[in-house]
Each structure stands twice: as structure tokens, then as C-alpha cells.
Amino acid sequence: MERVPVKALCLALAALSLNAAPLPAALTAHLKEAALVHVDFTQTRTLAALSRPLKASGSLVLARDLGVIWALRKPVALTYVMGPKGLLVVDSEGRRSHRAAREAPVVAQMGKVFGSLIQGDWKALDEYFTVTGSGTPEQWQVVLAPKAQTASFLKRVQLNGGRFIQRISILEAAGDRMDLMFEHQRVDAPLTEAEARLLAQD
């Protein structure tokens, strides 16, 4: 049997490693280091039925194990809190409406999925997407290709970032699109009293 030269084998292995797509977990491992993240966002939603995109802005708080606060500031003030207890909605007048996790399982799951996206917990998304990554930890891209259970309403999700997630682009099956741009990320800044009360959903 002809022996394969060691040098040739090493070169072949090196070529394979260069061509292989980097694992998303390796690219974004640093995202999991932050237990508490505050960030501002701008949301642009492009609907096939409308000639102009809809724009909104606000802030986001992600607290590991506690939940997500999604606070719209413009064009209207509206706050959504997604956590283990369910969904809390606070309108511009401060009125609250609450739905328990068992009454809104889809919303509760959405909170978990969004938290997984922000923190780069790709294993939590394996059930719903095929996840691929490219780039470096300083500038990476992750693409989520929907599996059967999500393909009916999602076509593609793309995330770009570096130290933090900078952008999430969601293309829906119907052709509508949503782009989220994140800036002014603050890591491990303590919760305010108001934020703590919202997450507690008391």
C-alpha cells in the first residue's frame, strides 16, 4: 500500500480547516459573559403592502434568568416584559396587563429565543433553525435557516456583530422584513428600581 507523505497530509488538513465554516459558538462565546445588558435599538419594518417602511426606536434590557424588557419610545410608548412569569404589557399611561406563561406560551418562548439570540446561545435554537457562522470574533455573521416548524413564517434570520450584536435582519416568508440596529450597549450596569419591578412582574 502506498503511503501518504506526512507533509501532504498536513497540507490537506490545513486546507480543510481553512475552508470549514467557523462554529457560531466559537465566534460569539464572549456574548455569554454578560449577565445583564442594556442597549438602544432602532427598528425598521418593511411591509410588502406599504410603500414606506415603518420605523420605531427604544431600549432593551436583557437580564439572564430574569427576562427581557422591550421598551418602545417612538412613535408610541409601549413596554413589553417577557420572562418566566409570562408577558407584561405597560401602555403609555402606565396601565398594566398581564398574561401568565401558561396563557401565553408562544410569547414566553419568544422571550427565551430573543434572549438566546442576544447572548449567542445557539444550541437553544437548534430545534428551530440550522445555524451557520462566518468571520472572526471581532466581526462575525450568523445565519439562521428555518427548519420545518418555523419555515411557514420565517425565511431567513441574519445576525451581525463583534463584541456585541450590532444588527438582526429577519426576512419573513410572506416577504416582509424587519431590521434591528443596536447601539450604546452597556454591560452589567445595574438594574434600576423600575426595571427590577418590571422584571419581577409584581
Protein backbone atom coordinates (compact mmCIF):
# COMPACT_ATOMS: atom_id res chain seq x y z
CA MET A 1 0.00 0.00 0.00
CA GLU A 2 1.34 3.42 -0.97
CA ARG A 3 1.98 5.66 1.99
CA VAL A 4 0.67 9.21 2.01
CA PRO A 5 3.53 11.64 2.72
CA VAL A 6 3.15 13.29 6.11
CA LYS A 7 3.70 16.75 4.59
CA ALA A 8 0.95 16.22 2.03
CA LEU A 9 -1.45 15.03 4.76
CA CYS A 10 -0.72 18.09 6.90
CA LEU A 11 -1.32 20.40 3.94
CA ALA A 12 -4.63 18.68 3.19
CA LEU A 13 -5.80 19.00 6.81
CA ALA A 14 -4.79 22.67 6.86
CA ALA A 15 -6.78 23.30 3.69
CA LEU A 16 -9.84 21.61 5.20
CA SER A 17 -9.59 23.71 8.36
CA LEU A 18 -9.34 26.92 6.32
CA ASN A 19 -12.38 26.05 4.22
CA ALA A 20 -14.53 24.88 7.13
CA ALA A 21 -17.07 27.39 8.39
CA PRO A 22 -16.25 28.53 11.94
CA LEU A 23 -18.69 27.36 14.57
CA PRO A 24 -21.02 30.16 15.71
CA ALA A 25 -20.36 29.25 19.34
CA ALA A 26 -16.64 29.88 18.85
CA LEU A 27 -17.28 33.21 17.12
CA THR A 28 -19.68 34.52 19.76
CA ALA A 29 -18.57 32.88 23.02
CA HIS A 30 -17.89 36.32 24.50
CA LEU A 31 -21.59 37.23 24.30
CA LYS A 32 -22.37 34.83 27.14
CA GLU A 33 -20.07 36.67 29.52
CA ALA A 34 -22.61 39.43 30.11
CA ALA A 35 -25.36 38.58 32.59
CA LEU A 36 -27.02 41.97 32.17
CA VAL A 37 -27.12 44.08 29.01
CA HIS A 38 -28.72 47.47 28.30
CA VAL A 39 -28.88 48.56 24.67
CA ASP A 40 -30.70 51.08 22.48
CA PHE A 41 -32.30 49.93 19.24
CA THR A 42 -33.77 51.26 16.01
CA GLN A 43 -36.32 49.08 14.27
CA THR A 44 -37.20 49.34 10.58
CA ARG A 45 -40.05 47.20 9.30
CA THR A 46 -40.62 46.93 5.56
CA LEU A 47 -44.03 45.55 4.62
CA ALA A 48 -44.85 44.31 1.14
CA ALA A 49 -48.22 46.09 1.31
CA LEU A 50 -46.74 49.51 2.20
CA SER A 51 -44.58 51.83 0.10
CA ARG A 52 -42.72 53.28 3.09
CA PRO A 53 -41.02 51.38 5.91
CA LEU A 54 -42.26 51.71 9.50
CA LYS A 55 -39.66 52.96 11.97
CA ALA A 56 -39.54 52.67 15.73
CA SER A 57 -36.90 53.12 18.44
CA GLY A 58 -36.44 52.33 22.07
CA SER A 59 -34.33 50.37 24.53
CA LEU A 60 -33.79 46.78 25.52
CA VAL A 61 -32.77 45.19 28.80
CA LEU A 62 -31.68 41.56 28.88
CA ALA A 63 -31.25 40.09 32.35
CA ARG A 64 -30.16 36.48 32.41
CA ASP A 65 -32.69 34.21 34.17
CA LEU A 66 -35.00 37.19 34.78
CA GLY A 67 -36.25 38.11 31.34
CA VAL A 68 -36.33 40.76 28.64
CA ILE A 69 -37.67 44.33 28.74
CA TRP A 70 -38.51 45.63 25.27
CA ALA A 71 -39.40 49.32 25.64
CA LEU A 72 -40.66 51.25 22.61
CA ARG A 73 -40.23 55.02 22.89
CA LYS A 74 -41.17 56.21 19.39
CA PRO A 75 -43.61 56.50 17.69
CA VAL A 76 -45.55 55.38 20.80
CA ALA A 77 -44.52 54.46 24.33
CA LEU A 78 -45.19 50.78 24.96
CA THR A 79 -43.24 48.31 27.08
CA TYR A 80 -43.22 44.53 26.80
CA VAL A 81 -41.70 42.40 29.54
CA MET A 82 -41.11 38.73 28.70
CA GLY A 83 -39.98 36.40 31.45
CA PRO A 84 -40.65 33.17 33.35
CA LYS A 85 -43.95 34.55 34.68
CA GLY A 86 -45.27 35.35 31.21
CA LEU A 87 -45.94 38.60 29.39
CA LEU A 88 -46.44 42.03 30.95
CA VAL A 89 -47.54 44.96 28.75
CA VAL A 90 -47.37 48.55 30.02
CA ASP A 91 -49.01 51.26 27.90
CA SER A 92 -48.18 54.97 27.64
CA GLU A 93 -50.49 55.74 30.58
CA GLY A 94 -48.78 53.20 32.83
CA ARG A 95 -51.68 50.74 32.68
CA ARG A 96 -50.57 47.12 33.01
CA SER A 97 -51.96 43.94 31.54
CA HIS A 98 -50.50 40.58 32.44
CA ARG A 99 -50.72 37.13 30.94
CA ALA A 100 -49.23 34.14 32.73
CA ALA A 101 -46.70 31.93 30.96
CA ARG A 102 -49.29 29.16 30.62
CA GLU A 103 -51.71 31.60 28.97
CA ALA A 104 -49.13 32.93 26.51
CA PRO A 105 -46.67 30.08 25.86
CA VAL A 106 -45.68 31.44 22.44
CA VAL A 107 -44.76 34.84 23.87
CA ALA A 108 -42.83 33.22 26.71
CA GLN A 109 -40.94 31.14 24.15
CA MET A 110 -40.22 34.28 22.11
CA GLY A 111 -38.60 35.83 25.16
CA LYS A 112 -36.35 32.80 25.52
CA VAL A 113 -35.45 32.80 21.82
CA PHE A 114 -34.65 36.53 21.83
CA GLY A 115 -32.53 36.12 24.93
CA SER A 116 -30.70 33.26 23.21
CA LEU A 117 -30.03 35.45 20.17
CA ILE A 118 -28.59 38.34 22.17
CA GLN A 119 -26.36 36.03 24.23
CA GLY A 120 -25.27 33.78 21.36
CA ASP A 121 -26.81 30.64 22.84
CA TRP A 122 -27.14 28.86 19.50
CA LYS A 123 -27.82 25.41 20.99
CA ALA A 124 -31.10 26.72 22.32
CA LEU A 125 -32.13 27.47 18.72
CA ASP A 126 -31.14 24.14 17.14
CA GLU A 127 -34.71 22.90 17.35
CA TYR A 128 -35.95 25.72 15.12
CA PHE A 129 -33.00 26.66 12.87
CA THR A 130 -29.91 25.39 11.10
CA VAL A 131 -27.19 27.74 12.38
CA THR A 132 -24.06 28.65 10.41
CA GLY A 133 -21.38 31.23 11.12
CA SER A 134 -18.58 33.08 9.35
CA GLY A 135 -15.99 35.75 10.12
CA THR A 136 -13.99 36.33 13.30
CA PRO A 137 -14.93 37.11 16.92
CA GLU A 138 -14.20 40.77 16.13
CA GLN A 139 -16.56 40.84 13.12
CA TRP A 140 -18.87 37.87 12.65
CA GLN A 141 -22.06 36.85 10.88
CA VAL A 142 -24.51 34.13 11.86
CA VAL A 143 -27.30 32.92 9.59
CA LEU A 144 -30.34 31.05 10.87
CA ALA A 145 -32.09 28.92 8.24
CA PRO A 146 -35.55 27.92 9.50
CA LYS A 147 -36.40 24.27 9.92
CA ALA A 148 -39.83 22.84 9.10
CA GLN A 149 -41.59 24.18 12.23
CA THR A 150 -40.55 27.78 11.55
CA ALA A 151 -40.30 27.84 7.74
CA SER A 152 -44.01 28.64 7.40
CA PHE A 153 -43.48 32.18 8.75
CA LEU A 154 -39.71 32.80 8.53
CA LYS A 155 -37.42 32.67 5.53
CA ARG A 156 -34.08 33.78 6.98
CA VAL A 157 -32.56 35.42 10.04
CA GLN A 158 -29.14 37.05 9.87
CA LEU A 159 -27.13 38.48 12.75
CA ASN A 160 -24.00 40.61 12.51
CA GLY A 161 -21.78 41.75 15.32
CA GLY A 162 -18.45 41.96 17.05
CA ARG A 163 -18.15 42.34 20.80
CA PHE A 164 -21.94 42.75 20.82
CA ILE A 165 -24.71 42.01 18.37
CA GLN A 166 -24.97 45.02 16.07
CA ARG A 167 -27.79 44.02 13.74
CA ILE A 168 -30.56 41.44 13.35
CA SER A 169 -32.32 41.12 9.98
CA ILE A 170 -35.45 39.00 9.79
CA LEU A 171 -36.97 38.06 6.43
CA GLU A 172 -40.45 36.61 6.77
CA ALA A 173 -41.94 34.01 4.46
CA ALA A 174 -44.52 36.49 3.18
CA GLY A 175 -41.78 38.89 2.02
CA ASP A 176 -41.95 41.37 4.92
CA ARG A 177 -38.65 42.33 6.55
CA MET A 178 -37.54 43.68 9.90
CA ASP A 179 -34.11 45.17 10.64
CA LEU A 180 -32.96 45.86 14.18
CA MET A 181 -29.89 48.02 14.73
CA PHE A 182 -28.31 48.06 18.21
CA GLU A 183 -26.05 50.72 19.71
CA HIS A 184 -24.87 52.15 23.04
CA GLN A 185 -24.53 48.74 24.65
CA ARG A 186 -23.91 48.83 28.41
CA VAL A 187 -22.78 45.62 30.05
CA ASP A 188 -23.50 44.76 33.68
CA ALA A 189 -24.86 48.22 34.53
CA PRO A 190 -27.19 47.59 37.50
CA LEU A 191 -30.94 47.42 37.05
CA THR A 192 -32.86 50.50 38.05
CA GLU A 193 -35.62 50.10 40.62
CA ALA A 194 -38.20 50.49 37.86
CA GLU A 195 -36.57 47.80 35.72
CA ALA A 196 -36.35 45.41 38.66
CA ARG A 197 -40.06 45.88 39.36
CA LEU A 198 -40.92 45.25 35.72
CA LEU A 199 -38.90 42.03 35.58
CA ALA A 200 -40.48 40.85 38.85
CA GLN A 201 -43.91 41.49 37.24
CA ASP A 202 -45.36 42.27 40.68
